[in-house]
PDB file of N, CA and C in Angstrom:
ATOM      1  N   MET A   1      85.631  94.187 111.657  1.00  0.00           N
ATOM      2  CA  MET A   1      85.796  93.156 110.650  1.00  0.00           C
ATOM      3  C   MET A   1      86.032  94.122 109.354  1.00  0.00           C
ATOM      4  N   ALA A   2      86.958  93.662 108.541  1.00  0.00           N
ATOM      5  CA  ALA A   2      87.040  94.391 107.143  1.00  0.00           C
ATOM      6  C   ALA A   2      87.163  93.415 105.929  1.00  0.00           C
ATOM      7  N   ILE A   3      87.066  93.912 104.977  1.00  0.00           N
ATOM      8  CA  ILE A   3      87.437  93.236 103.711  1.00  0.00           C
ATOM      9  C   ILE A   3      88.713  93.788 102.943  1.00  0.00           C
ATOM     10  N   TYR A   4      89.552  92.741 102.634  1.00  0.00           N
ATOM     11  CA  TYR A   4      90.910  93.138 102.051  1.00  0.00           C
ATOM     12  C   TYR A   4      90.918  92.656 100.487  1.00  0.00           C
ATOM     13  N   ILE A   5      90.975  93.709  99.821  1.00  0.00           N
ATOM     14  CA  ILE A   5      91.148  93.529  98.392  1.00  0.00           C
ATOM     15  C   ILE A   5      92.422  93.658  97.737  1.00  0.00           C
ATOM     16  N   THR A   6      92.713  92.571  97.040  1.00  0.00           N
ATOM     17  CA  THR A   6      94.030  92.750  95.985  1.00  0.00           C
ATOM     18  C   THR A   6      93.551  93.039  94.801  1.00  0.00           C
ATOM     19  N   THR A   7      93.857  93.862  93.981  1.00  0.00           N
ATOM     20  CA  THR A   7      93.281  94.527  92.607  1.00  0.00           C
ATOM     21  C   THR A   7      94.384  94.708  91.803  1.00  0.00           C
ATOM     22  N   ASN A   8      94.153  94.861  90.351  1.00  0.00           N
ATOM     23  CA  ASN A   8      94.927  95.095  89.475  1.00  0.00           C
ATOM     24  C   ASN A   8      94.781  96.444  88.680  1.00  0.00           C
ATOM     25  N   ILE A   9      93.932  97.367  89.341  1.00  0.00           N
ATOM     26  CA  ILE A   9      93.590  98.652  88.940  1.00  0.00           C
ATOM     27  C   ILE A   9      94.435  99.620  89.694  1.00  0.00           C
ATOM     28  N   HIS A  10      95.285  99.368  90.362  1.00  0.00           N
ATOM     29  CA  HIS A  10      96.527 100.368  90.740  1.00  0.00           C
ATOM     30  C   HIS A  10      95.955 101.431  91.302  1.00  0.00           C
ATOM     31  N   GLY A  11      95.456 101.315  92.779  1.00  0.00           N
ATOM     32  CA  GLY A  11      95.076 102.378  93.443  1.00  0.00           C
ATOM     33  C   GLY A  11      93.855 103.186  93.177  1.00  0.00           C
ATOM     34  N   THR A  12      92.869 102.689  92.309  1.00  0.00           N
ATOM     35  CA  THR A  12      91.566 103.502  92.043  1.00  0.00           C
ATOM     36  C   THR A  12      90.293 102.596  92.107  1.00  0.00           C
ATOM     37  N   LEU A  13      90.428 101.642  92.998  1.00  0.00           N
ATOM     38  CA  LEU A  13      89.256 100.814  93.261  1.00  0.00           C
ATOM     39  C   LEU A  13      88.144 101.748  93.686  1.00  0.00           C
ATOM     40  N   VAL A  14      88.272 102.477  94.588  1.00  0.00           N
ATOM     41  CA  VAL A  14      87.434 103.146  95.344  1.00  0.00           C
ATOM     42  C   VAL A  14      86.702 104.419  94.200  1.00  0.00           C
ATOM     43  N   SER A  15      87.754 105.043  93.668  1.00  0.00           N
ATOM     44  CA  SER A  15      87.173 105.869  92.561  1.00  0.00           C
ATOM     45  C   SER A  15      86.385 105.098  91.348  1.00  0.00           C
ATOM     46  N   GLU A  16      86.613 103.983  91.143  1.00  0.00           N
ATOM     47  CA  GLU A  16      86.097 103.128  90.174  1.00  0.00           C
ATOM     48  C   GLU A  16      84.622 102.550  90.392  1.00  0.00           C
ATOM     49  N   ILE A  17      84.260 102.406  91.996  1.00  0.00           N
ATOM     50  CA  ILE A  17      83.223 102.098  92.471  1.00  0.00           C
ATOM     51  C   ILE A  17      82.264 103.291  92.423  1.00  0.00           C
ATOM     52  N   MET A  18      82.738 104.456  92.776  1.00  0.00           N
ATOM     53  CA  MET A  18      82.140 105.788  92.767  1.00  0.00           C
ATOM     54  C   MET A  18      81.617 106.069  91.454  1.00  0.00           C
ATOM     55  N   LYS A  19      82.396 105.775  90.353  1.00  0.00           N
ATOM     56  CA  LYS A  19      82.041 106.310  89.220  1.00  0.00           C
ATOM     57  C   LYS A  19      80.887 105.414  88.768  1.00  0.00           C
ATOM     58  N   LYS A  20      80.873 104.157  88.890  1.00  0.00           N
ATOM     59  CA  LYS A  20      79.935 103.000  88.420  1.00  0.00           C
ATOM     60  C   LYS A  20      78.625 103.432  89.250  1.00  0.00           C
ATOM     61  N   ILE A  21      78.609 104.047  90.783  1.00  0.00           N
ATOM     62  CA  ILE A  21      77.449 104.446  91.311  1.00  0.00           C
ATOM     63  C   ILE A  21      76.985 105.435  90.610  1.00  0.00           C
ATOM     64  N   ASP A  22      77.885 106.507  90.266  1.00  0.00           N
ATOM     65  CA  ASP A  22      77.336 107.851  89.450  1.00  0.00           C
ATOM     66  C   ASP A  22      76.666 107.456  88.275  1.00  0.00           C
ATOM     67  N   LYS A  23      77.047 106.523  87.714  1.00  0.00           N
ATOM     68  CA  LYS A  23      76.564 106.142  86.218  1.00  0.00           C
ATOM     69  C   LYS A  23      75.318 105.390  86.421  1.00  0.00           C
ATOM     70  N   GLY A  24      74.966 104.934  87.547  1.00  0.00           N
ATOM     71  CA  GLY A  24      73.841 104.107  87.731  1.00  0.00           C
ATOM     72  C   GLY A  24      74.111 102.578  87.356  1.00  0.00           C
ATOM     73  N   GLU A  25      75.369 102.248  87.364  1.00  0.00           N
ATOM     74  CA  GLU A  25      75.646 100.836  86.953  1.00  0.00           C
ATOM     75  C   GLU A  25      75.764 100.074  88.476  1.00  0.00           C
ATOM     76  N   ILE A  26      75.757 100.716  89.372  1.00  0.00           N
ATOM     77  CA  ILE A  26      75.615 100.092  90.825  1.00  0.00           C
ATOM     78  C   ILE A  26      74.509 100.800  91.499  1.00  0.00           C
ATOM     79  N   LYS A  27      73.722 100.113  91.667  1.00  0.00           N
ATOM     80  CA  LYS A  27      72.365 100.669  92.051  1.00  0.00           C
ATOM     81  C   LYS A  27      71.949 100.296  93.473  1.00  0.00           C
ATOM     82  N   THR A  28      72.833  99.403  94.167  1.00  0.00           N
ATOM     83  CA  THR A  28      72.301  99.005  95.537  1.00  0.00           C
ATOM     84  C   THR A  28      73.324  99.555  96.637  1.00  0.00           C
ATOM     85  N   TRP A  29      74.148 100.434  96.063  1.00  0.00           N
ATOM     86  CA  TRP A  29      75.124 101.069  97.174  1.00  0.00           C
ATOM     87  C   TRP A  29      75.113 102.769  96.941  1.00  0.00           C
ATOM     88  N   LYS A  30      75.365 103.592  97.695  1.00  0.00           N
ATOM     89  CA  LYS A  30      75.460 104.916  97.619  1.00  0.00           C
ATOM     90  C   LYS A  30      76.950 105.318  98.517  1.00  0.00           C
ATOM     91  N   TYR A  31      77.254 106.531  98.289  1.00  0.00           N
ATOM     92  CA  TYR A  31      78.573 106.902  99.033  1.00  0.00           C
ATOM     93  C   TYR A  31      78.185 108.375  99.627  1.00  0.00           C
ATOM     94  N   ASP A  32      78.860 108.637 100.418  1.00  0.00           N
ATOM     95  CA  ASP A  32      78.743 110.269 100.926  1.00  0.00           C
ATOM     96  C   ASP A  32      79.864 111.116 100.881  1.00  0.00           C
ATOM     97  N   SER A  33      79.880 112.147 101.201  1.00  0.00           N
ATOM     98  CA  SER A  33      81.028 113.096 100.753  1.00  0.00           C
ATOM     99  C   SER A  33      82.426 112.596 101.604  1.00  0.00           C
ATOM    100  N   LYS A  34      82.320 111.822 102.325  1.00  0.00           N
ATOM    101  CA  LYS A  34      83.358 111.263 103.006  1.00  0.00           C
ATOM    102  C   LYS A  34      84.027 109.989 102.383  1.00  0.00           C
ATOM    103  N   LYS A  35      83.306 109.555 101.117  1.00  0.00           N
ATOM    104  CA  LYS A  35      83.667 108.265 100.643  1.00  0.00           C
ATOM    105  C   LYS A  35      83.608 106.888 101.309  1.00  0.00           C
ATOM    106  N   ARG A  36      82.305 107.118 101.988  1.00  0.00           N
ATOM    107  CA  ARG A  36      81.948 106.000 102.753  1.00  0.00           C
ATOM    108  C   ARG A  36      80.882 105.386 101.931  1.00  0.00           C
ATOM    109  N   PHE A  37      80.499 104.120 102.259  1.00  0.00           N
ATOM    110  CA  PHE A  37      79.767 103.153 101.121  1.00  0.00           C
ATOM    111  C   PHE A  37      78.661 102.707 102.079  1.00  0.00           C
ATOM    112  N   THR A  38      77.343 102.870 101.948  1.00  0.00           N
ATOM    113  CA  THR A  38      76.211 102.392 102.624  1.00  0.00           C
ATOM    114  C   THR A  38      75.271 101.309 101.544  1.00  0.00           C
ATOM    115  N   HIS A  39      74.721 100.638 102.053  1.00  0.00           N
ATOM    116  CA  HIS A  39      73.894  99.528 101.420  1.00  0.00           C
ATOM    117  C   HIS A  39      72.547 100.072 101.103  1.00  0.00           C
ATOM    118  N   LEU A  40      71.677 100.129  99.991  1.00  0.00           N
ATOM    119  CA  LEU A  40      70.619 100.441  99.642  1.00  0.00           C
ATOM    120  C   LEU A  40      69.432  99.325  99.787  1.00  0.00           C
ATOM    121  N   GLY A  41      69.829  98.413  99.448  1.00  0.00           N
ATOM    122  CA  GLY A  41      68.988  97.103  99.362  1.00  0.00           C
ATOM    123  C   GLY A  41      68.289  97.096  97.911  1.00  0.00           C
ATOM    124  N   GLU A  42      67.290  96.673  97.776  1.00  0.00           N
ATOM    125  CA  GLU A  42      66.984  96.225  96.314  1.00  0.00           C
ATOM    126  C   GLU A  42      65.716  97.036  95.795  1.00  0.00           C
ATOM    127  N   ILE A  43      65.519  97.965  96.520  1.00  0.00           N
ATOM    128  CA  ILE A  43      64.341  99.151  96.019  1.00  0.00           C
ATOM    129  C   ILE A  43      64.760 100.512  95.811  1.00  0.00           C
ATOM    130  N   GLU A  44      64.873 100.608  94.198  1.00  0.00           N
ATOM    131  CA  GLU A  44      65.532 101.600  93.830  1.00  0.00           C
ATOM    132  C   GLU A  44      64.758 103.054  93.981  1.00  0.00           C
ATOM    133  N   GLY A  45      65.461 104.035  94.457  1.00  0.00           N
ATOM    134  CA  GLY A  45      64.724 105.121  94.759  1.00  0.00           C
ATOM    135  C   GLY A  45      64.053 105.266  96.199  1.00  0.00           C
ATOM    136  N   GLU A  46      63.862 104.093  96.883  1.00  0.00           N
ATOM    137  CA  GLU A  46      63.434 104.226  98.188  1.00  0.00           C
ATOM    138  C   GLU A  46      64.372 103.627  99.102  1.00  0.00           C
ATOM    139  N   LYS A  47      64.230 104.124 100.428  1.00  0.00           N
ATOM    140  CA  LYS A  47      65.170 103.872 101.612  1.00  0.00           C
ATOM    141  C   LYS A  47      64.877 102.712 101.909  1.00  0.00           C
ATOM    142  N   THR A  48      65.580 101.523 102.112  1.00  0.00           N
ATOM    143  CA  THR A  48      65.160 100.362 102.812  1.00  0.00           C
ATOM    144  C   THR A  48      65.595 100.061 104.236  1.00  0.00           C
ATOM    145  N   HIS A  49      65.439  99.394 104.963  1.00  0.00           N
ATOM    146  CA  HIS A  49      65.817  99.127 106.215  1.00  0.00           C
ATOM    147  C   HIS A  49      67.247  98.986 106.464  1.00  0.00           C
ATOM    148  N   TRP A  50      68.052  98.642 105.318  1.00  0.00           N
ATOM    149  CA  TRP A  50      69.579  98.604 105.538  1.00  0.00           C
ATOM    150  C   TRP A  50      70.159  99.812 105.203  1.00  0.00           C
ATOM    151  N   GLU A  51      69.755 100.655 104.679  1.00  0.00           N
ATOM    152  CA  GLU A  51      70.327 101.762 104.505  1.00  0.00           C
ATOM    153  C   GLU A  51      70.910 102.578 105.693  1.00  0.00           C
ATOM    154  N   GLY A  52      72.073 103.013 105.775  1.00  0.00           N
ATOM    155  CA  GLY A  52      72.645 103.579 106.728  1.00  0.00           C
ATOM    156  C   GLY A  52      73.138 102.794 108.058  1.00  0.00           C
ATOM    157  N   MET A  53      72.709 101.678 107.866  1.00  0.00           N
ATOM    158  CA  MET A  53      73.012 100.927 109.073  1.00  0.00           C
ATOM    159  C   MET A  53      74.425 100.453 109.458  1.00  0.00           C
ATOM    160  N   ALA A  54      75.491 100.628 108.384  1.00  0.00           N
ATOM    161  CA  ALA A  54      76.702 100.652 108.618  1.00  0.00           C
ATOM    162  C   ALA A  54      77.315 101.407 107.399  1.00  0.00           C
ATOM    163  N   TRP A  55      78.590 101.590 107.573  1.00  0.00           N
ATOM    164  CA  TRP A  55      79.395 102.188 106.461  1.00  0.00           C
ATOM    165  C   TRP A  55      80.595 101.601 106.201  1.00  0.00           C
ATOM    166  N   PHE A  56      81.119 101.335 104.913  1.00  0.00           N
ATOM    167  CA  PHE A  56      82.324 100.748 104.617  1.00  0.00           C
ATOM    168  C   PHE A  56      83.174 102.160 104.317  1.00  0.00           C
ATOM    169  N   VAL A  57      84.464 102.161 105.055  1.00  0.00           N
ATOM    170  CA  VAL A  57      85.394 103.187 104.917  1.00  0.00           C
ATOM    171  C   VAL A  57      86.742 102.447 104.361  1.00  0.00           C
ATOM    172  N   SER A  58      86.991 103.092 103.283  1.00  0.00           N
ATOM    173  CA  SER A  58      88.399 102.557 102.572  1.00  0.00           C
ATOM    174  C   SER A  58      89.559 103.217 103.236  1.00  0.00           C
ATOM    175  N   SER A  59      90.617 102.418 103.251  1.00  0.00           N
ATOM    176  CA  SER A  59      91.776 102.750 103.788  1.00  0.00           C
ATOM    177  C   SER A  59      92.870 101.976 103.114  1.00  0.00           C
ATOM    178  N   ASN A  60      94.325 102.364 103.284  1.00  0.00           N
ATOM    179  CA  ASN A  60      95.480 101.707 102.681  1.00  0.00           C
ATOM    180  C   ASN A  60      95.304 101.354 101.446  1.00  0.00           C
ATOM    181  N   GLU A  61      94.697 102.276 100.744  1.00  0.00           N
ATOM    182  CA  GLU A  61      94.536 101.998  99.110  1.00  0.00           C
ATOM    183  C   GLU A  61      96.021 102.375  98.738  1.00  0.00           C
ATOM    184  N   ASP A  62      96.494 101.306  98.115  1.00  0.00           N
ATOM    185  CA  ASP A  62      97.751 101.590  97.400  1.00  0.00           C
ATOM    186  C   ASP A  62      97.915 101.075  96.023  1.00  0.00           C
ATOM    187  N   ASP A  63      98.841 100.726  95.413  1.00  0.00           N
ATOM    188  CA  ASP A  63      99.075 100.232  94.176  1.00  0.00           C
ATOM    189  C   ASP A  63      98.383  99.145  93.655  1.00  0.00           C
ATOM    190  N   ASP A  64      98.020  98.243  94.600  1.00  0.00           N
ATOM    191  CA  ASP A  64      97.516  96.768  94.289  1.00  0.00           C
ATOM    192  C   ASP A  64      96.527  96.509  95.416  1.00  0.00           C
ATOM    193  N   SER A  65      96.120  97.243  96.393  1.00  0.00           N
ATOM    194  CA  SER A  65      95.446  96.477  97.541  1.00  0.00           C
ATOM    195  C   SER A  65      94.599  97.728  98.025  1.00  0.00           C
ATOM    196  N   VAL A  66      93.372  97.495  98.641  1.00  0.00           N
ATOM    197  CA  VAL A  66      92.567  98.327  99.415  1.00  0.00           C
ATOM    198  C   VAL A  66      92.127  97.713 100.660  1.00  0.00           C
ATOM    199  N   THR A  67      91.596  98.246 101.806  1.00  0.00           N
ATOM    200  CA  THR A  67      90.846  97.725 102.739  1.00  0.00           C
ATOM    201  C   THR A  67      89.657  98.381 102.949  1.00  0.00           C
ATOM    202  N   PHE A  68      88.559  97.683 103.207  1.00  0.00           N
ATOM    203  CA  PHE A  68      87.152  98.508 103.451  1.00  0.00           C
ATOM    204  C   PHE A  68      86.703  98.043 104.921  1.00  0.00           C
ATOM    205  N   GLU A  69      86.759  98.929 105.744  1.00  0.00           N
ATOM    206  CA  GLU A  69      86.243  98.440 107.250  1.00  0.00           C
ATOM    207  C   GLU A  69      85.097  98.818 107.376  1.00  0.00           C
ATOM    208  N   LEU A  70      84.261  98.329 108.029  1.00  0.00           N
ATOM    209  CA  LEU A  70      82.839  98.451 108.224  1.00  0.00           C
ATOM    210  C   LEU A  70      82.769  99.125 109.596  1.00  0.00           C
ATOM    211  N   LYS A  71      82.349 100.411 109.605  1.00  0.00           N
ATOM    212  CA  LYS A  71      82.091 101.420 110.779  1.00  0.00           C
ATOM    213  C   LYS A  71      80.596 101.717 110.986  1.00  0.00           C
ATOM    214  N   ASP A  72      80.572 102.309 112.197  1.00  0.00           N
ATOM    215  CA  ASP A  72      79.257 103.139 112.326  1.00  0.00           C
ATOM    216  C   ASP A  72      78.122 102.039 112.420  1.00  0.00           C
ATOM    217  N   ILE A  73      78.391 100.822 112.821  1.00  0.00           N
ATOM    218  CA  ILE A  73      77.449  99.814 112.770  1.00  0.00           C
ATOM    219  C   ILE A  73      76.143  99.903 113.696  1.00  0.00           C
ATOM    220  N   ASP A  74      74.889  99.706 112.963  1.00  0.00           N
ATOM    221  CA  ASP A  74      73.625  99.837 113.926  1.00  0.00           C
ATOM    222  C   ASP A  74      73.493  98.316 114.373  1.00  0.00           C
ATOM    223  N   LYS A  75      73.577  98.314 115.866  1.00  0.00           N
ATOM    224  CA  LYS A  75      73.534  96.906 116.340  1.00  0.00           C
ATOM    225  C   LYS A  75      72.011  96.601 116.930  1.00  0.00           C
ATOM    226  N   SER A  76      71.080  97.302 116.288  1.00  0.00           N
ATOM    227  CA  SER A  76      69.799  96.972 116.681  1.00  0.00           C
ATOM    228  C   SER A  76      69.248  96.135 115.752  1.00  0.00           C
ATOM    229  N   GLU A  77      69.663  95.518 114.962  1.00  0.00           N
ATOM    230  CA  GLU A  77      69.294  94.450 114.205  1.00  0.00           C
ATOM    231  C   GLU A  77      70.444  93.402 113.843  1.00  0.00           C
ATOM    232  N   ASP A  78      70.173  92.227 114.083  1.00  0.00           N
ATOM    233  CA  ASP A  78      71.039  91.231 113.835  1.00  0.00           C
ATOM    234  C   ASP A  78      71.317  90.956 112.233  1.00  0.00           C
ATOM    235  N   GLY A  79      72.506  90.551 112.138  1.00  0.00           N
ATOM    236  CA  GLY A  79      72.849  90.175 110.807  1.00  0.00           C
ATOM    237  C   GLY A  79      73.428  91.347 109.883  1.00  0.00           C
ATOM    238  N   VAL A  80      73.599  92.657 110.378  1.00  0.00           N
ATOM    239  CA  VAL A  80      74.083  94.056 109.665  1.00  0.00           C
ATOM    240  C   VAL A  80      75.314  93.544 109.031  1.00  0.00           C
ATOM    241  N   GLU A  81      76.153  93.211 109.784  1.00  0.00           N
ATOM    242  CA  GLU A  81      77.642  92.926 109.507  1.00  0.00           C
ATOM    243  C   GLU A  81      77.644  91.758 108.435  1.00  0.00           C
ATOM    244  N   ALA A  82      77.000  90.772 108.332  1.00  0.00           N
ATOM    245  CA  ALA A  82      77.032  89.718 107.464  1.00  0.00           C
ATOM    246  C   ALA A  82      76.408  90.119 106.170  1.00  0.00           C
ATOM    247  N   VAL A  83      75.317  90.802 106.068  1.00  0.00           N
ATOM    248  CA  VAL A  83      74.679  91.430 105.143  1.00  0.00           C
ATOM    249  C   VAL A  83      75.496  92.548 104.423  1.00  0.00           C
ATOM    250  N   TYR A  84      76.042  93.495 105.073  1.00  0.00           N
ATOM    251  CA  TYR A  84      77.011  94.314 104.336  1.00  0.00           C
ATOM    252  C   TYR A  84      78.283  93.757 103.650  1.00  0.00           C
ATOM    253  N   HIS A  85      78.929  92.730 104.630  1.00  0.00           N
ATOM    254  CA  HIS A  85      80.118  92.021 104.152  1.00  0.00           C
ATOM    255  C   HIS A  85      79.806  91.285 102.835  1.00  0.00           C
ATOM    256  N   GLY A  86      78.557  90.560 102.810  1.00  0.00           N
ATOM    257  CA  GLY A  86      78.259  89.616 101.783  1.00  0.00           C
ATOM    258  C   GLY A  86      77.814  90.333 100.513  1.00  0.00           C
ATOM    259  N   ARG A  87      77.068  91.394 100.769  1.00  0.00           N
ATOM    260  CA  ARG A  87      76.781  92.162  99.479  1.00  0.00           C
ATOM    261  C   ARG A  87      77.660  93.214  98.884  1.00  0.00           C
ATOM    262  N   PHE A  88      78.508  93.556  99.755  1.00  0.00           N
ATOM    263  CA  PHE A  88      79.672  94.369  99.153  1.00  0.00           C
ATOM    264  C   PHE A  88      80.441  93.468  98.338  1.00  0.00           C
ATOM    265  N   THR A  89      80.873  92.349  98.740  1.00  0.00           N
ATOM    266  CA  THR A  89      81.702  91.369  98.307  1.00  0.00           C
ATOM    267  C   THR A  89      81.146  90.920  96.972  1.00  0.00           C
ATOM    268  N   GLN A  90      79.820  90.685  97.060  1.00  0.00           N
ATOM    269  CA  GLN A  90      79.019  90.223  95.749  1.00  0.00           C
ATOM    270  C   GLN A  90      79.290  91.468  94.654  1.00  0.00           C
ATOM    271  N   MET A  91      78.888  92.704  95.349  1.00  0.00           N
ATOM    272  CA  MET A  91      79.305  93.862  94.087  1.00  0.00           C
ATOM    273  C   MET A  91      80.366  93.883  93.552  1.00  0.00           C
ATOM    274  N   LEU A  92      81.364  93.852  94.441  1.00  0.00           N
ATOM    275  CA  LEU A  92      82.777  93.803  93.784  1.00  0.00           C
ATOM    276  C   LEU A  92      83.064  92.694  92.656  1.00  0.00           C
ATOM    277  N   LEU A  93      82.768  91.463  92.895  1.00  0.00           N
ATOM    278  CA  LEU A  93      82.998  90.426  92.070  1.00  0.00           C
ATOM    279  C   LEU A  93      82.034  90.630  90.800  1.00  0.00           C
ATOM    280  N   TYR A  94      80.877  91.270  91.094  1.00  0.00           N
ATOM    281  CA  TYR A  94      80.030  91.308  89.798  1.00  0.00           C
ATOM    282  C   TYR A  94      80.490  92.183  88.882  1.00  0.00           C
ATOM    283  N   HIS A  95      80.820  93.405  89.362  1.00  0.00           N
ATOM    284  CA  HIS A  95      81.066  94.702  88.757  1.00  0.00           C
ATOM    285  C   HIS A  95      82.808  94.713  88.509  1.00  0.00           C
ATOM    286  N   PHE A  96      83.362  94.114  89.027  1.00  0.00           N
ATOM    287  CA  PHE A  96      84.803  94.142  88.686  1.00  0.00           C
ATOM    288  C   PHE A  96      85.710  92.755  88.680  1.00  0.00           C
ATOM    289  N   PRO A  97      84.947  91.820  87.844  1.00  0.00           N
ATOM    290  CA  PRO A  97      85.600  90.472  87.877  1.00  0.00           C
ATOM    291  C   PRO A  97      86.892  90.266  87.405  1.00  0.00           C
ATOM    292  N   ASP A  98      87.374  91.490  86.341  1.00  0.00           N
ATOM    293  CA  ASP A  98      88.431  91.295  85.833  1.00  0.00           C
ATOM    294  C   ASP A  98      89.647  92.067  86.674  1.00  0.00           C
ATOM    295  N   LYS A  99      89.244  92.649  87.580  1.00  0.00           N
ATOM    296  CA  LYS A  99      89.807  93.738  88.170  1.00  0.00           C
ATOM    297  C   LYS A  99      90.397  93.208  89.838  1.00  0.00           C
ATOM    298  N   ILE A 100      89.638  92.264  90.235  1.00  0.00           N
ATOM    299  CA  ILE A 100      89.808  91.735  91.551  1.00  0.00           C
ATOM    300  C   ILE A 100      90.592  90.577  91.578  1.00  0.00           C
ATOM    301  N   GLU A 101      91.461  90.595  92.214  1.00  0.00           N
ATOM    302  CA  GLU A 101      92.556  89.450  92.066  1.00  0.00           C
ATOM    303  C   GLU A 101      92.257  88.479  93.436  1.00  0.00           C
ATOM    304  N   ALA A 102      91.985  89.158  94.442  1.00  0.00           N
ATOM    305  CA  ALA A 102      91.752  88.359  95.801  1.00  0.00           C
ATOM    306  C   ALA A 102      91.009  89.244  96.653  1.00  0.00           C
ATOM    307  N   ILE A 103      89.843  88.641  97.469  1.00  0.00           N
ATOM    308  CA  ILE A 103      89.169  89.168  98.576  1.00  0.00           C
ATOM    309  C   ILE A 103      89.135  88.324  99.710  1.00  0.00           C
ATOM    310  N   THR A 104      89.753  88.915 100.771  1.00  0.00           N
ATOM    311  CA  THR A 104      89.806  88.091 102.071  1.00  0.00           C
ATOM    312  C   THR A 104      88.769  88.864 103.123  1.00  0.00           C
ATOM    313  N   VAL A 105      87.972  88.055 103.741  1.00  0.00           N
ATOM    314  CA  VAL A 105      87.357  88.502 104.865  1.00  0.00           C
ATOM    315  C   VAL A 105      87.482  87.598 106.018  1.00  0.00           C
ATOM    316  N   PRO A 106      88.486  88.181 106.920  1.00  0.00           N
ATOM    317  CA  PRO A 106      88.753  87.238 108.095  1.00  0.00           C
ATOM    318  C   PRO A 106      87.702  86.895 108.981  1.00  0.00           C
TER     319      PRO A 106
END
């Protein structure tokens, strides 16, 4: 399953998310050297049971859209896909309200 985003920041949504994480403005997500995003949960500085249970990988980033596909999903716990999709969408709408034109989660 994936999240399809239409944006008005012209091919830079992934880098904008990474900048906000680096600045500490987004505290519940982190990214790795492959620019994959995983959820940290609500406890700052401590690993929660959600961390690393799945990773969003961006693709198809162009002038006005980007796709985030959920990969490497840990199937040992129910609800991982629902939590990741819901919280990633929530983060986007909260931190980029004037930049997001549409979010589709089929």
